[in-house]
Amino acid sequence: MPQFLVAIHHPDGYDGSKESPDMTRDIDALNAEMVAKEVRVFVGGLHPSDEAKGWEMAAEGDVKVFEGPYLRTGEHVGGFWVIEAPSMDDAMEWGRKAAIACRAPVEVRQFH
């Protein structure tokens, strides 16, 4: 069955510790529904983007470390699900539910 990434986007500086009890309840309910329907493969929340570290190729061909988000967009992926769904339409329905539960923009992309 095809797998999809359902990514939650947060603005830079987002503090997940300030999420309301209602939001936590809604996210827990969504996770329970995904488990019950056997669509959830993996779920994870991420530390703030300013804690990110990575590698990039320098102009001279060396690989160098960078700190902070690689993309400077004002938003970042704050968490995600990997789900299995029969189609993009089905995955989009889970993305819709995620946007409601998380009160945030959601991107849905299929894995190759």
N, C-alpha and C. Protein backbone atom coordinates (compact mmCIF):
# COMPACT_ATOMS: atom_id res chain seq x y z
N MET A 1 0.85 -1.17 0.00
CA MET A 1 0.00 0.00 0.00
C MET A 1 0.90 1.24 0.00
N PRO A 2 0.52 2.28 -0.73
CA PRO A 2 1.33 3.51 -0.76
C PRO A 2 1.47 4.13 0.63
N GLN A 3 2.63 4.75 0.85
CA GLN A 3 2.86 5.47 2.09
C GLN A 3 2.95 6.96 1.82
N PHE A 4 2.52 7.74 2.81
CA PHE A 4 2.45 9.19 2.68
C PHE A 4 3.04 9.85 3.92
N LEU A 5 3.65 11.00 3.70
CA LEU A 5 4.09 11.86 4.78
C LEU A 5 3.00 12.90 5.01
N VAL A 6 2.58 13.02 6.25
CA VAL A 6 1.62 14.06 6.65
C VAL A 6 2.41 14.95 7.60
N ALA A 7 2.86 16.11 7.10
CA ALA A 7 3.76 16.97 7.85
C ALA A 7 3.02 18.19 8.39
N ILE A 8 3.24 18.49 9.66
CA ILE A 8 2.64 19.64 10.32
C ILE A 8 3.65 20.78 10.27
N HIS A 9 3.21 21.96 9.87
CA HIS A 9 4.11 23.12 9.77
C HIS A 9 3.80 24.11 10.89
N HIS A 10 4.87 24.60 11.50
CA HIS A 10 4.76 25.59 12.58
C HIS A 10 5.59 26.81 12.22
N PRO A 11 5.21 27.97 12.73
CA PRO A 11 6.05 29.15 12.53
C PRO A 11 7.33 29.02 13.38
N ASP A 12 8.41 29.62 12.93
CA ASP A 12 9.62 29.64 13.74
C ASP A 12 9.29 30.21 15.11
N GLY A 13 9.90 29.67 16.14
CA GLY A 13 9.65 30.11 17.49
C GLY A 13 8.44 29.46 18.14
N TYR A 14 7.78 28.54 17.45
CA TYR A 14 6.60 27.86 18.00
C TYR A 14 6.98 27.11 19.27
N ASP A 15 6.18 27.24 20.31
CA ASP A 15 6.44 26.57 21.58
C ASP A 15 5.35 25.54 21.82
N GLY A 16 5.67 24.29 21.53
CA GLY A 16 4.70 23.21 21.68
C GLY A 16 4.24 22.99 23.10
N SER A 17 5.03 23.45 24.08
CA SER A 17 4.63 23.27 25.47
C SER A 17 3.41 24.13 25.82
N LYS A 18 3.08 25.08 24.96
CA LYS A 18 1.93 25.96 25.22
C LYS A 18 0.67 25.51 24.48
N GLU A 19 0.70 24.30 23.91
CA GLU A 19 -0.49 23.80 23.24
C GLU A 19 -1.59 23.57 24.27
N SER A 20 -2.80 23.86 23.90
CA SER A 20 -3.92 23.75 24.83
C SER A 20 -4.26 22.29 25.11
N PRO A 21 -4.88 22.04 26.25
CA PRO A 21 -5.35 20.68 26.54
C PRO A 21 -6.31 20.16 25.47
N ASP A 22 -7.11 21.06 24.89
CA ASP A 22 -8.03 20.64 23.81
C ASP A 22 -7.26 20.14 22.60
N MET A 23 -6.18 20.84 22.25
CA MET A 23 -5.38 20.41 21.11
C MET A 23 -4.72 19.06 21.39
N THR A 24 -4.18 18.90 22.58
CA THR A 24 -3.55 17.62 22.95
C THR A 24 -4.57 16.50 22.87
N ARG A 25 -5.77 16.75 23.38
CA ARG A 25 -6.84 15.74 23.31
C ARG A 25 -7.16 15.38 21.86
N ASP A 26 -7.26 16.39 20.99
CA ASP A 26 -7.61 16.15 19.59
C ASP A 26 -6.50 15.39 18.86
N ILE A 27 -5.26 15.70 19.16
CA ILE A 27 -4.14 14.98 18.53
C ILE A 27 -4.11 13.54 19.03
N ASP A 28 -4.32 13.33 20.34
CA ASP A 28 -4.37 11.97 20.87
C ASP A 28 -5.51 11.17 20.23
N ALA A 29 -6.66 11.82 20.03
CA ALA A 29 -7.80 11.14 19.40
C ALA A 29 -7.47 10.77 17.95
N LEU A 30 -6.80 11.67 17.23
CA LEU A 30 -6.41 11.38 15.85
C LEU A 30 -5.44 10.20 15.82
N ASN A 31 -4.46 10.19 16.71
CA ASN A 31 -3.53 9.07 16.77
C ASN A 31 -4.25 7.76 17.06
N ALA A 32 -5.19 7.79 17.99
CA ALA A 32 -5.95 6.58 18.31
C ALA A 32 -6.76 6.11 17.11
N GLU A 33 -7.34 7.04 16.37
CA GLU A 33 -8.11 6.68 15.17
C GLU A 33 -7.20 6.07 14.11
N MET A 34 -6.03 6.66 13.92
CA MET A 34 -5.08 6.12 12.94
C MET A 34 -4.63 4.71 13.30
N VAL A 35 -4.39 4.47 14.59
CA VAL A 35 -4.00 3.13 15.03
C VAL A 35 -5.16 2.15 14.83
N ALA A 36 -6.36 2.55 15.20
CA ALA A 36 -7.53 1.68 15.06
C ALA A 36 -7.79 1.32 13.61
N LYS A 37 -7.56 2.28 12.70
CA LYS A 37 -7.79 2.04 11.27
C LYS A 37 -6.56 1.41 10.59
N GLU A 38 -5.49 1.21 11.37
CA GLU A 38 -4.25 0.57 10.89
C GLU A 38 -3.62 1.32 9.73
N VAL A 39 -3.63 2.64 9.79
CA VAL A 39 -2.98 3.44 8.75
C VAL A 39 -1.66 4.03 9.22
N ARG A 40 -1.48 4.18 10.53
CA ARG A 40 -0.28 4.84 11.06
C ARG A 40 0.90 3.89 11.05
N VAL A 41 1.99 4.33 10.39
CA VAL A 41 3.23 3.58 10.36
C VAL A 41 4.18 4.14 11.42
N PHE A 42 4.28 5.46 11.48
CA PHE A 42 5.21 6.12 12.40
C PHE A 42 4.73 7.53 12.63
N VAL A 43 4.96 8.05 13.82
CA VAL A 43 4.61 9.43 14.14
C VAL A 43 5.73 10.00 14.99
N GLY A 44 6.01 11.28 14.80
CA GLY A 44 7.03 11.91 15.62
C GLY A 44 6.91 13.42 15.64
N GLY A 45 7.21 13.99 16.79
CA GLY A 45 7.33 15.43 16.92
C GLY A 45 8.80 15.79 16.88
N LEU A 46 9.12 16.98 16.44
CA LEU A 46 10.50 17.39 16.30
C LEU A 46 10.83 18.53 17.25
N HIS A 47 12.08 18.57 17.67
CA HIS A 47 12.57 19.70 18.46
C HIS A 47 12.50 20.96 17.60
N PRO A 48 12.59 22.14 18.21
CA PRO A 48 12.54 23.39 17.43
C PRO A 48 13.60 23.45 16.34
N SER A 49 13.27 24.13 15.25
CA SER A 49 14.18 24.18 14.10
C SER A 49 15.50 24.86 14.42
N ASP A 50 15.52 25.74 15.42
CA ASP A 50 16.79 26.39 15.74
C ASP A 50 17.78 25.43 16.41
N GLU A 51 17.33 24.23 16.77
CA GLU A 51 18.21 23.21 17.32
C GLU A 51 18.73 22.25 16.25
N ALA A 52 18.31 22.44 15.02
CA ALA A 52 18.72 21.55 13.93
C ALA A 52 20.21 21.71 13.63
N LYS A 53 20.81 20.64 13.14
CA LYS A 53 22.18 20.65 12.64
C LYS A 53 22.19 19.79 11.39
N GLY A 54 23.10 20.08 10.49
CA GLY A 54 23.17 19.29 9.27
C GLY A 54 24.48 19.48 8.55
N TRP A 55 24.52 18.96 7.36
CA TRP A 55 25.72 19.01 6.51
C TRP A 55 25.34 19.60 5.16
N GLU A 56 26.26 20.34 4.57
CA GLU A 56 26.05 20.82 3.21
C GLU A 56 27.39 20.89 2.50
N MET A 57 27.32 20.81 1.18
CA MET A 57 28.53 20.90 0.35
C MET A 57 28.92 22.36 0.21
N ALA A 58 30.19 22.66 0.52
CA ALA A 58 30.71 24.00 0.34
C ALA A 58 31.16 24.16 -1.11
N ALA A 59 31.33 25.40 -1.54
CA ALA A 59 31.71 25.68 -2.93
C ALA A 59 33.00 24.98 -3.33
N GLU A 60 33.93 24.86 -2.38
CA GLU A 60 35.21 24.22 -2.69
C GLU A 60 35.16 22.69 -2.65
N GLY A 61 33.98 22.13 -2.44
CA GLY A 61 33.81 20.69 -2.47
C GLY A 61 33.87 20.02 -1.11
N ASP A 62 34.19 20.78 -0.07
CA ASP A 62 34.20 20.21 1.27
C ASP A 62 32.77 20.13 1.80
N VAL A 63 32.58 19.26 2.76
CA VAL A 63 31.30 19.15 3.44
C VAL A 63 31.44 19.89 4.76
N LYS A 64 30.53 20.80 5.04
CA LYS A 64 30.62 21.56 6.29
C LYS A 64 29.32 21.45 7.08
N VAL A 65 29.45 21.61 8.38
CA VAL A 65 28.32 21.56 9.29
C VAL A 65 27.60 22.90 9.30
N PHE A 66 26.29 22.86 9.36
CA PHE A 66 25.53 24.09 9.61
C PHE A 66 24.66 23.87 10.84
N GLU A 67 24.32 24.96 11.50
CA GLU A 67 23.45 24.91 12.66
C GLU A 67 22.21 25.75 12.41
N GLY A 68 21.08 25.30 12.93
CA GLY A 68 19.82 25.95 12.67
C GLY A 68 19.18 25.35 11.43
N PRO A 69 18.01 25.82 11.08
CA PRO A 69 17.31 25.23 9.94
C PRO A 69 18.07 25.49 8.64
N TYR A 70 18.06 24.51 7.76
CA TYR A 70 18.70 24.67 6.45
C TYR A 70 17.90 25.67 5.61
N LEU A 71 16.59 25.52 5.60
CA LEU A 71 15.73 26.44 4.85
C LEU A 71 15.32 27.58 5.77
N ARG A 72 15.51 28.78 5.34
CA ARG A 72 15.15 29.97 6.12
C ARG A 72 13.83 30.52 5.57
N THR A 73 12.74 29.94 6.06
CA THR A 73 11.44 30.29 5.48
C THR A 73 10.48 30.93 6.46
N GLY A 74 10.78 30.91 7.75
CA GLY A 74 9.85 31.42 8.74
C GLY A 74 8.91 30.36 9.26
N GLU A 75 8.92 29.18 8.64
CA GLU A 75 8.14 28.04 9.09
C GLU A 75 9.02 26.81 9.04
N HIS A 76 8.62 25.78 9.74
CA HIS A 76 9.38 24.53 9.73
C HIS A 76 8.42 23.36 10.00
N VAL A 77 8.90 22.15 9.71
CA VAL A 77 8.13 20.96 10.04
C VAL A 77 8.28 20.73 11.53
N GLY A 78 7.17 20.71 12.23
CA GLY A 78 7.19 20.53 13.68
C GLY A 78 6.92 19.10 14.10
N GLY A 79 6.32 18.34 13.22
CA GLY A 79 6.01 16.95 13.50
C GLY A 79 5.41 16.32 12.26
N PHE A 80 5.24 15.02 12.30
CA PHE A 80 4.75 14.33 11.10
C PHE A 80 4.22 12.95 11.44
N TRP A 81 3.45 12.43 10.53
CA TRP A 81 3.03 11.03 10.52
C TRP A 81 3.50 10.42 9.21
N VAL A 82 3.83 9.16 9.24
CA VAL A 82 3.95 8.35 8.03
C VAL A 82 2.76 7.40 8.09
N ILE A 83 1.93 7.46 7.06
CA ILE A 83 0.73 6.64 7.03
C ILE A 83 0.70 5.79 5.77
N GLU A 84 -0.11 4.76 5.80
CA GLU A 84 -0.41 3.97 4.61
C GLU A 84 -1.85 4.23 4.25
N ALA A 85 -2.08 4.53 2.98
CA ALA A 85 -3.43 4.81 2.50
C ALA A 85 -3.54 4.34 1.05
N PRO A 86 -4.72 3.95 0.61
CA PRO A 86 -4.88 3.45 -0.75
C PRO A 86 -4.65 4.49 -1.83
N SER A 87 -4.85 5.77 -1.50
CA SER A 87 -4.74 6.81 -2.53
C SER A 87 -4.39 8.15 -1.90
N MET A 88 -4.01 9.10 -2.75
CA MET A 88 -3.76 10.46 -2.27
C MET A 88 -5.03 11.05 -1.67
N ASP A 89 -6.18 10.76 -2.25
CA ASP A 89 -7.43 11.28 -1.70
C ASP A 89 -7.64 10.80 -0.26
N ASP A 90 -7.35 9.52 -0.01
CA ASP A 90 -7.48 8.99 1.35
C ASP A 90 -6.46 9.65 2.28
N ALA A 91 -5.23 9.80 1.81
CA ALA A 91 -4.19 10.45 2.61
C ALA A 91 -4.55 11.90 2.90
N MET A 92 -5.14 12.57 1.93
CA MET A 92 -5.56 13.96 2.13
C MET A 92 -6.64 14.07 3.20
N GLU A 93 -7.49 13.08 3.30
CA GLU A 93 -8.51 13.10 4.35
C GLU A 93 -7.84 13.02 5.73
N TRP A 94 -6.79 12.20 5.84
CA TRP A 94 -6.04 12.16 7.11
C TRP A 94 -5.33 13.49 7.34
N GLY A 95 -4.82 14.09 6.27
CA GLY A 95 -4.20 15.41 6.40
C GLY A 95 -5.18 16.46 6.86
N ARG A 96 -6.40 16.41 6.38
CA ARG A 96 -7.45 17.34 6.81
C ARG A 96 -7.70 17.19 8.31
N LYS A 97 -7.80 15.94 8.75
CA LYS A 97 -8.02 15.69 10.17
C LYS A 97 -6.83 16.19 11.00
N ALA A 98 -5.62 16.04 10.47
CA ALA A 98 -4.41 16.50 11.17
C ALA A 98 -4.41 18.02 11.28
N ALA A 99 -4.81 18.72 10.21
CA ALA A 99 -4.85 20.18 10.24
C ALA A 99 -5.84 20.67 11.30
N ILE A 100 -6.95 19.98 11.43
CA ILE A 100 -7.95 20.35 12.44
C ILE A 100 -7.40 20.08 13.84
N ALA A 101 -6.86 18.89 14.06
CA ALA A 101 -6.36 18.52 15.39
C ALA A 101 -5.20 19.40 15.82
N CYS A 102 -4.28 19.68 14.90
CA CYS A 102 -3.06 20.43 15.23
C CYS A 102 -3.23 21.93 15.10
N ARG A 103 -4.33 22.33 14.46
CA ARG A 103 -4.59 23.76 14.26
C ARG A 103 -3.40 24.43 13.55
N ALA A 104 -2.94 23.75 12.49
CA ALA A 104 -1.75 24.19 11.76
C ALA A 104 -1.84 23.71 10.32
N PRO A 105 -1.08 24.36 9.42
CA PRO A 105 -1.03 23.88 8.04
C PRO A 105 -0.41 22.48 7.97
N VAL A 106 -0.89 21.69 7.02
CA VAL A 106 -0.44 20.31 6.84
C VAL A 106 -0.09 20.10 5.37
N GLU A 107 1.00 19.42 5.14
CA GLU A 107 1.42 19.03 3.78
C GLU A 107 1.36 17.51 3.69
N VAL A 108 0.80 16.99 2.61
CA VAL A 108 0.71 15.56 2.38
C VAL A 108 1.50 15.23 1.13
N ARG A 109 2.45 14.30 1.25
CA ARG A 109 3.27 13.90 0.10
C ARG A 109 3.44 12.39 0.09
N GLN A 110 3.37 11.81 -1.10
CA GLN A 110 3.53 10.37 -1.23
C GLN A 110 5.02 10.03 -1.35
N PHE A 111 5.40 8.92 -0.73
CA PHE A 111 6.75 8.39 -0.89
C PHE A 111 6.87 7.68 -2.23
N HIS A 112 8.06 7.67 -2.80
CA HIS A 112 8.31 6.90 -4.04
C HIS A 112 8.27 5.45 -3.74
